[in-house]
Amino acid sequence: MEAQVARIHDLQDGEMREVVVGETKVLLVRLKGKFYAIGGECTHYGGPLAEGALSGHRVVCPWHQAVFDVMNGDLEEPPALDAEPCYTVRVEGDYVIVKVPEKEPNRRTLAMVRRVPADDRTLAILGAGAAGNAAAETLRQDGFTGRVVMITQELRLPYDRPNLSKGYLSGDAGPETLPWRTPEFYREHDIEVLLGQRVDRVEVPLKTLTFTDGRTLTYEALLLATGGTPRRLEIPGSELPNVFTLRSADDADAIIKEALPASRVVVIGTGFIGMEAAAALTKRGLAVKVVGHGTVPLMRQLGPEIGGMLRQAHEEQGVTFHLGRIPVRIEGDGRVKTVVLDNGEALAADLVVVGLGIKPATDILQGVKLDADGSVSTDRQMRVTEGLFAAGDVARFPDWRDGSAIRIEHWRLAEQNGRIAAHNMAGRRVDFAGIPFFWSEQFDLFLQYVGHAESWDELIVHGDLAGHNFLGFYVKGNRVMAAAGLQRDRQLGAMAELMRLDQTPSPEELRRNPDFDPWARLKTLQA
């Protein structure tokens, strides 16, 4: 099917719009006088690409910042796994005409090779989360024809872990939304996924890993993508059966089962897992009390201004906070009844959810020095040492912007790490130069954050913080290192591109101009 979708003068160079051919949404883009057409909805969660940021030939999805090449639909950056379909465009007279084949899929798997039996090399991936799955697919996309083995302790194929504390826990999304790929996908591309397999140790100098049953696997290179182990409460009563951490799909299922007949929950921890769990369980109808030792939720990650705004948003939904407090014991006869705080206050509870962060899962490594927090340090190619790479929560890597060593516990960053590690495992030489990004859903608030700032000298806020429509710029050493916001999706996508291009605005400009628009600046740079 084909259709006239625009006149040639409807779009100027560097502009895009969504058009429809039959029932298919299409992104139409004009670059240097030529028109291009790709799928109009992001292959990740269906975000409208026309509402994103166009940066040269790259379009940034407004929802989760997947990036696609508008000239051919190829995937440039995760969290999407698949590319966009690319459609034929022609110009007749004043009209732009797009042709969409009948029954065209709304996504396109990038080309991958299969294993060649004569190639006896083995590349192993320990962990099947964001980094591990991204690496496995990238190895095949890069033309590696040896054996690819992905090993996981879980009994599930790779799945969408960020949704566990969001729509899945709240009941807005069902189990069918979690898996990324089918078993047939991994078989078709000769990616071995070993489910339910535990590894006791990795002898890095010998390039050998040993399973709990004594079997061994020798590899050419290994990607350590084991993620983290949830930190648990170390207080009396924390061993009771209805005290939960939230890390895996099994954890989420256990919490949901316990929450169905329950009416009261205590959440311990005010990081992202704690706050998202509080929102999700409130949406399920439970009375939620949140306990945290800090004075403001998400103080370390976002600061008092944005953390305080999120606290107020939760309180408006009925969440109660007990801040500046720590739990000292959990009481109950075989099951949780109360959580006792350090001031003697007793909080009634039918279940407890603990969100106190993670410890990098690196205990199995032998022959490698660990960092103080248990992580491993890599170079910009995600290499720890010869034959060993690391990605995701376990990896501390150089920030290309200032050379500082950083470790970031976020999903999309893990996928970015995994892709870079795989490129280098496959024999390419690719440095990590990505821009970190994460999102958090709490009630009807969709917070986005680009860049990375472990500490900052100043937070410059543009817009209405109380009205949930703002941009916040984190400044360190007279440089904008990160930005966060609500209802500013396109601007944050543009901000990510300005960071990538090393064209961020100066703090002085942001102080002087409260109406600074990253999207307008990006368009000016491309004019």
Protein backbone atom coordinates (compact mmCIF):
# COMPACT_ATOMS: atom_id res chain seq x y z
CA MET A 1 0.00 0.00 0.00
CA GLU A 2 1.22 3.50 -0.78
CA ALA A 3 -0.10 6.96 -0.05
CA GLN A 4 0.60 10.64 -0.56
CA VAL A 5 1.65 11.71 2.93
CA ALA A 6 2.88 15.28 2.50
CA ARG A 7 3.84 18.02 0.09
CA ILE A 8 7.56 18.52 -0.35
CA HIS A 9 7.46 21.97 1.30
CA ASP A 10 5.58 20.71 4.37
CA LEU A 11 8.90 19.68 5.93
CA GLN A 12 12.10 21.67 6.00
CA ASP A 13 15.50 20.04 6.39
CA GLY A 14 15.87 18.61 9.89
CA GLU A 15 12.13 18.26 10.46
CA MET A 16 10.00 15.17 11.00
CA ARG A 17 6.36 14.26 11.42
CA GLU A 18 4.18 11.22 11.90
CA VAL A 19 2.13 10.18 8.88
CA VAL A 20 -0.17 7.22 8.31
CA VAL A 21 -0.21 4.80 5.39
CA GLY A 22 -3.27 2.60 5.69
CA GLU A 23 -3.15 1.64 9.36
CA THR A 24 0.64 1.95 9.67
CA LYS A 25 2.20 4.83 11.58
CA VAL A 26 5.28 6.12 9.77
CA LEU A 27 7.97 8.61 10.74
CA LEU A 28 8.69 10.90 7.79
CA VAL A 29 11.99 12.83 7.95
CA ARG A 30 13.66 15.32 5.65
CA LEU A 31 17.47 15.50 5.70
CA LYS A 32 19.56 17.47 3.22
CA GLY A 33 16.70 17.66 0.78
CA LYS A 34 15.94 13.93 0.84
CA PHE A 35 12.98 12.19 2.48
CA TYR A 36 13.21 9.06 4.62
CA ALA A 37 10.49 6.91 6.18
CA ILE A 38 10.77 4.39 9.02
CA GLY A 39 8.37 2.88 11.55
CA GLY A 40 6.65 5.57 13.58
CA GLU A 41 6.50 3.77 16.94
CA CYS A 42 9.50 2.74 19.02
CA THR A 43 10.08 -1.01 18.98
CA HIS A 44 10.60 -0.95 22.76
CA TYR A 45 7.27 0.23 24.23
CA GLY A 46 5.65 1.94 21.26
CA GLY A 47 6.69 5.52 21.99
CA PRO A 48 5.79 8.05 19.24
CA LEU A 49 9.11 8.83 17.56
CA ALA A 50 7.78 12.05 16.02
CA GLU A 51 7.57 13.47 19.56
CA GLY A 52 11.24 12.69 20.20
CA ALA A 53 14.41 14.57 19.36
CA LEU A 54 15.99 14.50 15.90
CA SER A 55 19.77 14.79 15.98
CA GLY A 56 21.32 14.53 12.53
CA HIS A 57 20.26 11.11 11.29
CA ARG A 58 19.42 9.91 14.82
CA VAL A 59 15.96 10.05 16.37
CA VAL A 60 15.64 9.67 20.16
CA CYS A 61 12.46 8.03 21.46
CA PRO A 62 10.74 10.36 23.95
CA TRP A 63 9.81 7.59 26.38
CA HIS A 64 12.99 5.63 27.15
CA GLN A 65 15.55 7.16 24.74
CA ALA A 66 16.07 4.27 22.36
CA VAL A 67 17.82 5.72 19.30
CA PHE A 68 17.24 4.81 15.65
CA ASP A 69 18.88 5.82 12.36
CA VAL A 70 16.17 7.56 10.35
CA MET A 71 17.95 6.75 7.09
CA ASN A 72 17.54 2.98 7.42
CA GLY A 73 15.73 2.25 10.72
CA ASP A 74 18.74 0.58 12.34
CA LEU A 75 18.98 0.52 16.11
CA GLU A 76 21.67 2.86 17.45
CA GLU A 77 21.02 2.73 21.22
CA PRO A 78 18.93 0.56 23.57
CA PRO A 79 16.64 -0.16 25.42
CA ALA A 80 14.94 -1.28 22.21
CA LEU A 81 16.22 -4.59 20.87
CA ASP A 82 14.85 -4.42 17.33
CA ALA A 83 15.30 -1.99 14.48
CA GLU A 84 12.52 -0.09 12.74
CA PRO A 85 11.17 -1.12 9.35
CA CYS A 86 12.37 1.15 6.55
CA TYR A 87 9.92 2.16 3.81
CA THR A 88 10.33 3.27 0.20
CA VAL A 89 9.87 6.99 -0.41
CA ARG A 90 9.53 8.79 -3.72
CA VAL A 91 8.62 12.29 -4.80
CA GLU A 92 6.17 12.95 -7.62
CA GLY A 93 5.65 16.60 -8.40
CA ASP A 94 4.85 18.35 -5.12
CA TYR A 95 3.93 15.15 -3.30
CA VAL A 96 5.88 12.79 -1.05
CA ILE A 97 4.69 9.21 -1.44
CA VAL A 98 5.49 6.39 1.02
CA LYS A 99 5.02 2.71 0.22
CA VAL A 100 4.38 0.22 3.03
CA PRO A 101 4.33 -3.47 2.01
CA GLU A 102 1.26 -5.48 2.95
CA LYS A 103 1.52 -7.22 6.34
CA GLU A 104 4.84 -5.50 7.05
CA PRO A 105 6.05 -6.29 10.62
CA ASN A 106 6.33 -3.29 12.91
CA ARG A 107 9.90 -4.22 13.86
CA ARG A 108 12.98 -5.69 12.26
CA THR A 109 15.52 -7.98 13.88
CA LEU A 110 19.03 -6.90 13.04
CA ALA A 111 20.94 -9.34 10.84
CA MET A 112 22.78 -12.02 12.81
CA VAL A 113 25.09 -14.85 11.83
CA ARG A 114 24.75 -18.41 13.07
CA ARG A 115 27.38 -20.66 14.54
CA VAL A 116 29.85 -22.31 12.20
CA PRO A 117 30.79 -25.80 13.50
CA ALA A 118 34.41 -25.38 12.42
CA ASP A 119 34.76 -22.31 14.65
CA ASP A 120 35.73 -23.80 18.03
CA ARG A 121 35.95 -20.51 19.94
CA THR A 122 33.68 -19.99 22.96
CA LEU A 123 32.51 -16.67 24.30
CA ALA A 124 30.70 -17.01 27.61
CA ILE A 125 28.30 -14.57 29.25
CA LEU A 126 27.60 -14.95 32.95
CA GLY A 127 24.19 -13.40 33.58
CA ALA A 128 21.10 -13.04 31.38
CA GLY A 129 19.88 -9.59 32.32
CA ALA A 130 20.18 -6.35 30.39
CA ALA A 131 23.93 -6.52 29.78
CA GLY A 132 24.08 -10.25 29.12
CA ASN A 133 21.26 -10.37 26.60
CA ALA A 134 22.47 -7.26 24.78
CA ALA A 135 25.94 -8.79 24.51
CA ALA A 136 24.69 -12.13 23.20
CA GLU A 137 22.72 -10.53 20.40
CA THR A 138 25.49 -8.07 19.56
CA LEU A 139 28.05 -10.87 19.19
CA ARG A 140 25.93 -12.48 16.49
CA GLN A 141 25.26 -9.10 14.85
CA ASP A 142 29.02 -8.50 14.74
CA GLY A 143 29.59 -11.73 12.85
CA PHE A 144 31.00 -13.94 15.62
CA THR A 145 30.48 -17.53 14.44
CA GLY A 146 31.84 -19.44 17.43
CA ARG A 147 29.89 -20.69 20.43
CA VAL A 148 27.90 -18.11 22.44
CA VAL A 149 26.86 -19.36 25.88
CA MET A 150 24.70 -17.27 28.22
CA ILE A 151 24.41 -18.64 31.77
CA THR A 152 21.78 -17.65 34.35
CA GLN A 153 20.70 -18.86 37.77
CA GLU A 154 17.10 -18.05 36.93
CA LEU A 155 14.70 -20.43 35.23
CA ARG A 156 13.47 -17.72 32.87
CA LEU A 157 14.75 -16.39 29.58
CA PRO A 158 15.84 -12.72 29.66
CA TYR A 159 12.98 -10.43 30.65
CA ASP A 160 12.06 -6.80 31.31
CA ARG A 161 13.34 -6.34 34.87
CA PRO A 162 12.62 -2.56 35.22
CA ASN A 163 8.88 -3.22 34.96
CA LEU A 164 8.94 -5.46 38.03
CA SER A 165 8.73 -2.50 40.42
CA LYS A 166 6.45 -0.50 38.11
CA GLY A 167 3.52 -1.77 36.04
CA TYR A 168 4.03 -5.45 36.84
CA LEU A 169 3.93 -4.93 40.61
CA SER A 170 0.97 -2.54 40.39
CA GLY A 171 -1.04 -4.95 38.24
CA ASP A 172 -1.09 -2.68 35.18
CA ALA A 173 1.06 -5.17 33.21
CA GLY A 174 0.71 -8.94 33.11
CA PRO A 175 3.28 -11.76 32.93
CA GLU A 176 3.07 -11.82 29.15
CA THR A 177 4.75 -8.40 29.02
CA LEU A 178 7.98 -9.54 30.69
CA PRO A 179 9.82 -11.88 28.24
CA TRP A 180 11.96 -10.19 25.61
CA ARG A 181 12.45 -13.08 23.21
CA THR A 182 11.02 -16.50 22.56
CA PRO A 183 12.96 -19.75 22.98
CA GLU A 184 12.85 -20.06 19.20
CA PHE A 185 14.71 -16.76 18.81
CA TYR A 186 17.73 -18.01 20.75
CA ARG A 187 17.71 -21.35 18.93
CA GLU A 188 17.44 -19.65 15.55
CA HIS A 189 20.53 -17.55 16.28
CA ASP A 190 22.52 -20.31 17.99
CA ILE A 191 22.66 -18.55 21.34
CA GLU A 192 22.84 -21.18 24.07
CA VAL A 193 20.94 -20.11 27.19
CA LEU A 194 21.72 -22.29 30.20
CA LEU A 195 18.84 -21.79 32.65
CA GLY A 196 19.00 -22.59 36.36
CA GLN A 197 22.78 -22.95 36.31
CA ARG A 198 24.95 -21.72 39.20
CA VAL A 199 28.65 -21.04 38.87
CA ASP A 200 30.81 -21.56 41.96
CA ARG A 201 33.95 -19.87 40.73
CA VAL A 202 35.62 -18.20 37.78
CA GLU A 203 39.36 -18.78 37.53
CA VAL A 204 40.27 -15.75 35.47
CA PRO A 205 43.92 -16.62 34.69
CA LEU A 206 42.84 -20.08 33.46
CA LYS A 207 39.78 -18.75 31.57
CA THR A 208 37.68 -21.44 33.21
CA LEU A 209 34.44 -21.36 35.13
CA THR A 210 33.14 -24.16 37.34
CA PHE A 211 29.48 -24.99 37.91
CA THR A 212 28.13 -26.14 41.28
CA ASP A 213 27.87 -29.71 39.97
CA GLY A 214 31.59 -29.76 39.10
CA ARG A 215 31.30 -29.26 35.36
CA THR A 216 33.70 -26.75 33.83
CA LEU A 217 33.61 -24.47 30.82
CA THR A 218 36.71 -23.01 29.20
CA TYR A 219 36.28 -19.83 27.18
CA GLU A 220 38.17 -17.43 24.95
CA ALA A 221 36.56 -14.49 26.69
CA LEU A 222 33.97 -14.05 29.43
CA LEU A 223 31.53 -11.21 30.05
CA LEU A 224 30.71 -10.82 33.73
CA ALA A 225 27.13 -9.55 33.78
CA THR A 226 25.96 -11.01 37.08
CA GLY A 227 24.33 -7.84 38.35
CA GLY A 228 23.86 -7.41 42.07
CA THR A 229 22.62 -9.21 45.16
CA PRO A 230 19.99 -7.31 47.18
CA ARG A 231 21.18 -6.07 50.55
CA ARG A 232 19.09 -7.62 53.29
CA LEU A 233 18.04 -6.39 56.69
CA GLU A 234 20.25 -7.68 59.47
CA ILE A 235 17.81 -7.28 62.35
CA PRO A 236 15.76 -9.72 64.46
CA GLY A 237 12.74 -10.97 62.53
CA SER A 238 14.11 -10.18 59.09
CA GLU A 239 14.07 -13.91 58.30
CA LEU A 240 10.24 -14.11 58.51
CA PRO A 241 8.67 -15.45 55.30
CA ASN A 242 6.73 -12.32 54.39
CA VAL A 243 9.79 -10.05 54.37
CA PHE A 244 10.80 -9.56 50.73
CA THR A 245 13.45 -8.01 48.54
CA LEU A 246 12.61 -7.12 44.93
CA ARG A 247 15.17 -8.09 42.35
CA SER A 248 13.78 -10.91 40.20
CA ALA A 249 10.47 -11.86 38.61
CA ASP A 250 10.11 -14.58 41.25
CA ASP A 251 10.51 -11.90 43.93
CA ALA A 252 7.79 -9.79 42.31
CA ASP A 253 5.46 -12.78 42.00
CA ALA A 254 5.96 -13.59 45.68
CA ILE A 255 5.17 -10.01 46.72
CA ILE A 256 2.07 -9.90 44.52
CA LYS A 257 0.80 -13.19 45.96
CA GLU A 258 1.28 -11.90 49.50
CA ALA A 259 -0.22 -8.50 48.67
CA LEU A 260 -3.49 -9.82 47.24
CA PRO A 261 -5.13 -10.56 50.64
CA ALA A 262 -3.10 -7.93 52.52
CA SER A 263 -4.03 -4.39 53.51
CA ARG A 264 -0.83 -2.96 55.08
CA VAL A 265 2.76 -2.93 53.86
CA VAL A 266 5.92 -1.38 55.22
CA VAL A 267 8.56 -0.46 52.63
CA ILE A 268 12.07 -0.08 54.03
CA GLY A 269 14.27 2.09 51.84
CA THR A 270 13.71 5.32 49.94
CA GLY A 271 15.71 4.64 46.78
CA PHE A 272 14.13 3.94 43.41
CA ILE A 273 13.04 0.37 44.24
CA GLY A 274 11.48 1.47 47.53
CA MET A 275 9.67 4.46 46.05
CA GLU A 276 8.44 2.60 42.97
CA ALA A 277 7.26 -0.32 45.11
CA ALA A 278 5.45 2.10 47.41
CA ALA A 279 3.63 3.64 44.44
CA ALA A 280 2.81 0.28 42.85
CA LEU A 281 1.45 -1.26 46.06
CA THR A 282 -0.58 1.86 46.82
CA LYS A 283 -2.18 1.46 43.38
CA ARG A 284 -3.08 -2.08 44.43
CA GLY A 285 -5.05 -0.62 47.34
CA LEU A 286 -2.65 -1.27 50.20
CA ALA A 287 -1.87 1.23 52.94
CA VAL A 288 1.85 1.92 52.54
CA LYS A 289 4.32 3.20 55.11
CA VAL A 290 7.86 4.01 53.97
CA VAL A 291 10.82 3.96 56.37
CA GLY A 292 14.13 5.63 55.53
CA HIS A 293 17.13 6.90 57.45
CA GLY A 294 17.47 10.05 55.31
CA THR A 295 15.48 13.22 55.59
CA VAL A 296 14.20 13.15 51.98
CA PRO A 297 13.47 10.24 49.59
CA LEU A 298 16.06 9.79 46.84
CA MET A 299 18.27 12.39 48.49
CA ARG A 300 21.51 10.85 47.25
CA GLN A 301 20.30 10.35 43.69
CA LEU A 302 18.22 13.48 43.05
CA GLY A 303 18.71 15.94 45.91
CA PRO A 304 16.28 17.56 48.34
CA GLU A 305 14.35 19.60 45.78
CA ILE A 306 13.20 16.76 43.51
CA GLY A 307 13.17 14.20 46.32
CA GLY A 308 10.91 16.46 48.35
CA MET A 309 8.58 16.92 45.40
CA LEU A 310 8.29 13.14 45.01
CA ARG A 311 7.59 12.74 48.73
CA GLN A 312 4.72 15.19 48.46
CA ALA A 313 3.34 13.38 45.41
CA HIS A 314 3.36 10.11 47.37
CA GLU A 315 1.73 11.69 50.41
CA GLU A 316 -1.06 13.04 48.22
CA GLN A 317 -1.76 9.42 47.26
CA GLY A 318 -1.89 8.31 50.89
CA VAL A 319 1.67 7.05 51.45
CA THR A 320 3.03 7.73 54.96
CA PHE A 321 6.73 8.42 55.51
CA HIS A 322 8.83 7.71 58.59
CA LEU A 323 12.07 9.47 57.72
CA GLY A 324 15.17 9.84 59.83
CA ARG A 325 14.33 6.43 61.29
CA ILE A 326 15.74 2.92 61.02
CA PRO A 327 14.02 -0.40 61.80
CA VAL A 328 15.47 -2.27 64.79
CA ARG A 329 13.36 -5.45 64.74
CA ILE A 330 10.44 -7.13 63.06
CA GLU A 331 7.91 -8.84 65.30
CA GLY A 332 5.48 -11.62 64.51
CA ASP A 333 4.54 -15.19 65.32
CA GLY A 334 5.74 -16.98 62.21
CA ARG A 335 4.67 -14.00 60.08
CA VAL A 336 5.28 -10.27 60.17
CA LYS A 337 2.94 -8.31 62.43
CA THR A 338 4.87 -5.14 63.23
CA VAL A 339 8.04 -3.29 62.31
CA VAL A 340 9.61 -1.57 65.30
CA LEU A 341 11.62 1.60 64.68
CA ASP A 342 14.54 3.04 66.62
CA ASN A 343 12.25 5.52 68.38
CA GLY A 344 10.04 2.70 69.66
CA GLU A 345 7.23 3.27 67.19
CA ALA A 346 5.57 0.05 65.98
CA LEU A 347 4.20 -0.07 62.42
CA ALA A 348 1.57 -2.72 61.73
CA ALA A 349 2.29 -4.70 58.57
CA ASP A 350 1.03 -7.73 56.65
CA LEU A 351 4.25 -7.79 54.60
CA VAL A 352 7.54 -5.91 54.34
CA VAL A 353 9.40 -4.94 51.18
CA VAL A 354 13.09 -4.11 51.59
CA GLY A 355 14.88 -1.85 49.10
CA LEU A 356 18.32 -1.13 50.49
CA GLY A 357 20.38 -1.35 47.32
CA ILE A 358 22.60 -4.11 46.01
CA LYS A 359 26.08 -5.56 46.33
CA PRO A 360 27.87 -6.38 43.06
CA ALA A 361 27.75 -10.14 42.49
CA THR A 362 31.48 -10.77 42.07
CA ASP A 363 32.29 -13.21 44.89
CA ILE A 364 32.92 -16.03 42.43
CA LEU A 365 35.87 -14.29 40.77
CA GLN A 366 39.36 -15.63 41.44
CA GLY A 367 42.54 -13.92 40.27
CA VAL A 368 41.07 -10.40 39.94
CA LYS A 369 41.27 -7.54 42.39
CA LEU A 370 37.87 -6.20 43.47
CA ASP A 371 37.10 -2.56 44.19
CA ALA A 372 36.10 -1.50 47.70
CA ASP A 373 32.40 -1.92 46.92
CA GLY A 374 32.90 -5.33 45.30
CA SER A 375 32.79 -4.10 41.71
CA VAL A 376 35.52 -4.60 39.09
CA SER A 377 37.23 -1.79 37.21
CA THR A 378 37.31 -1.80 33.41
CA ASP A 379 38.83 0.28 30.67
CA ARG A 380 36.65 2.16 28.18
CA GLN A 381 36.20 -1.05 26.20
CA MET A 382 34.67 -2.71 29.29
CA ARG A 383 37.75 -4.96 29.64
CA VAL A 384 38.86 -5.94 33.15
CA THR A 385 41.87 -7.94 32.06
CA GLU A 386 42.81 -10.14 29.11
CA GLY A 387 39.87 -12.46 28.45
CA LEU A 388 37.53 -10.86 31.01
CA PHE A 389 34.98 -8.11 30.41
CA ALA A 390 32.34 -6.68 32.73
CA ALA A 391 29.11 -4.75 32.20
CA GLY A 392 26.19 -3.42 34.21
CA ASP A 393 25.97 -3.27 37.98
CA VAL A 394 29.32 -5.02 38.53
CA ALA A 395 31.39 -2.68 36.34
CA ARG A 396 33.21 0.51 37.28
CA PHE A 397 34.30 2.22 34.07
CA PRO A 398 35.77 5.58 32.94
CA ASP A 399 33.34 8.41 32.27
CA TRP A 400 34.54 9.65 28.89
CA ARG A 401 33.55 13.21 29.79
CA ASP A 402 35.99 13.71 32.66
CA GLY A 403 37.86 10.42 33.11
CA SER A 404 36.36 9.68 36.52
CA ALA A 405 35.60 6.04 37.41
CA ILE A 406 31.85 5.51 37.73
CA ARG A 407 29.50 2.63 38.47
CA ILE A 408 25.83 3.03 37.57
CA GLU A 409 23.02 0.65 38.53
CA HIS A 410 20.57 1.32 35.72
CA TRP A 411 19.06 -0.91 33.06
CA ARG A 412 19.72 1.01 29.85
CA LEU A 413 23.31 1.69 30.87
CA ALA A 414 23.81 -2.04 31.42
CA GLU A 415 22.59 -2.68 27.88
CA GLN A 416 24.95 -0.01 26.54
CA ASN A 417 27.84 -1.58 28.48
CA GLY A 418 26.93 -5.05 27.20
CA ARG A 419 26.91 -3.95 23.58
CA ILE A 420 30.34 -2.28 23.88
CA ALA A 421 31.80 -5.30 25.67
CA ALA A 422 30.49 -7.61 22.94
CA HIS A 423 31.96 -5.47 20.15
CA ASN A 424 35.39 -5.81 21.75
CA MET A 425 34.96 -9.51 22.55
CA ALA A 426 34.18 -10.03 18.87
CA GLY A 427 37.45 -8.39 17.86
CA ARG A 428 36.37 -4.82 17.19
CA ARG A 429 37.88 -1.87 19.07
CA VAL A 430 35.06 0.30 20.40
CA ASP A 431 35.22 2.65 23.38
CA PHE A 432 32.21 3.38 25.56
CA ALA A 433 31.04 6.93 24.90
CA GLY A 434 27.36 6.65 25.72
CA ILE A 435 25.17 8.94 27.81
CA PRO A 436 23.53 7.23 30.80
CA PHE A 437 19.76 7.48 31.08
CA PHE A 438 17.13 6.10 33.42
CA TRP A 439 13.45 6.54 34.09
CA SER A 440 11.23 6.07 37.11
CA GLU A 441 7.44 5.70 37.20
CA GLN A 442 5.73 6.72 40.44
CA PHE A 443 1.94 7.04 40.22
CA ASP A 444 1.29 9.31 37.21
CA LEU A 445 4.78 10.81 37.31
CA PHE A 446 7.32 9.71 34.69
CA LEU A 447 10.71 11.03 35.76
CA GLN A 448 13.60 10.98 33.29
CA TYR A 449 17.28 11.54 34.02
CA VAL A 450 20.20 11.86 31.57
CA GLY A 451 23.92 11.95 32.31
CA HIS A 452 25.46 11.10 35.66
CA ALA A 453 26.32 13.11 38.75
CA GLU A 454 27.32 11.32 41.94
CA SER A 455 27.59 14.70 43.62
CA TRP A 456 26.91 18.24 42.50
CA ASP A 457 27.58 21.83 43.47
CA GLU A 458 24.27 23.25 42.29
CA LEU A 459 20.88 22.24 40.92
CA ILE A 460 19.45 24.79 38.50
CA VAL A 461 15.70 24.30 38.10
CA HIS A 462 13.70 25.63 35.15
CA GLY A 463 9.92 25.39 35.18
CA ASP A 464 7.44 24.46 37.87
CA LEU A 465 8.77 21.86 40.30
CA ALA A 466 5.59 21.80 42.40
CA GLY A 467 3.50 21.57 39.24
CA HIS A 468 5.51 18.55 37.99
CA ASN A 469 6.69 20.30 34.83
CA PHE A 470 10.37 21.15 35.01
CA LEU A 471 13.97 20.60 33.98
CA GLY A 472 16.71 20.34 36.60
CA PHE A 473 20.38 20.70 35.64
CA TYR A 474 23.05 19.19 37.93
CA VAL A 475 26.26 21.25 37.90
CA LYS A 476 29.64 20.00 39.07
CA GLY A 477 32.87 21.92 38.60
CA ASN A 478 31.14 24.53 36.41
CA ARG A 479 29.88 21.84 34.04
CA VAL A 480 26.42 20.35 33.55
CA MET A 481 26.85 16.65 34.30
CA ALA A 482 23.21 15.52 34.38
CA ALA A 483 19.64 16.69 33.91
CA ALA A 484 16.30 15.42 35.21
CA GLY A 485 12.74 16.40 34.53
CA LEU A 486 9.02 15.75 34.29
CA GLN A 487 6.92 16.37 31.17
CA ARG A 488 10.04 17.41 29.25
CA ASP A 489 10.68 14.21 27.30
CA ARG A 490 11.76 15.80 24.01
CA GLN A 491 13.98 18.32 25.80
CA LEU A 492 15.67 15.56 27.79
CA GLY A 493 16.25 13.58 24.63
CA ALA A 494 17.83 16.68 23.12
CA MET A 495 19.86 17.19 26.28
CA ALA A 496 21.26 13.66 25.95
CA GLU A 497 22.33 14.48 22.40
CA LEU A 498 23.93 17.77 23.49
CA MET A 499 25.91 15.81 26.08
CA ARG A 500 26.95 13.26 23.45
CA LEU A 501 28.11 16.07 21.17
CA ASP A 502 29.85 17.81 24.08
CA GLN A 503 27.68 20.88 23.50
CA THR A 504 25.97 21.25 26.87
CA PRO A 505 25.01 24.77 27.91
CA SER A 506 27.15 26.51 30.49
CA PRO A 507 25.80 26.92 34.03
CA GLU A 508 26.00 30.69 33.56
CA GLU A 509 23.71 30.50 30.54
CA LEU A 510 21.23 28.36 32.45
CA ARG A 511 21.21 30.79 35.39
CA ARG A 512 20.72 33.72 33.05
CA ASN A 513 18.06 32.15 30.82
CA PRO A 514 15.30 30.22 32.66
CA ASP A 515 13.64 29.52 29.31
CA PHE A 516 16.63 27.65 27.84
CA ASP A 517 15.34 24.91 25.53
CA PRO A 518 17.72 21.99 24.77
CA TRP A 519 15.60 21.02 21.74
CA ALA A 520 15.88 24.50 20.24
CA ARG A 521 19.64 24.50 20.89
CA LEU A 522 20.06 21.11 19.21
CA LYS A 523 18.15 22.29 16.14
CA THR A 524 20.32 25.42 15.98
CA LEU A 525 23.47 23.31 16.02
CA GLN A 526 22.19 21.31 13.06
CA ALA A 527 21.03 24.27 10.99
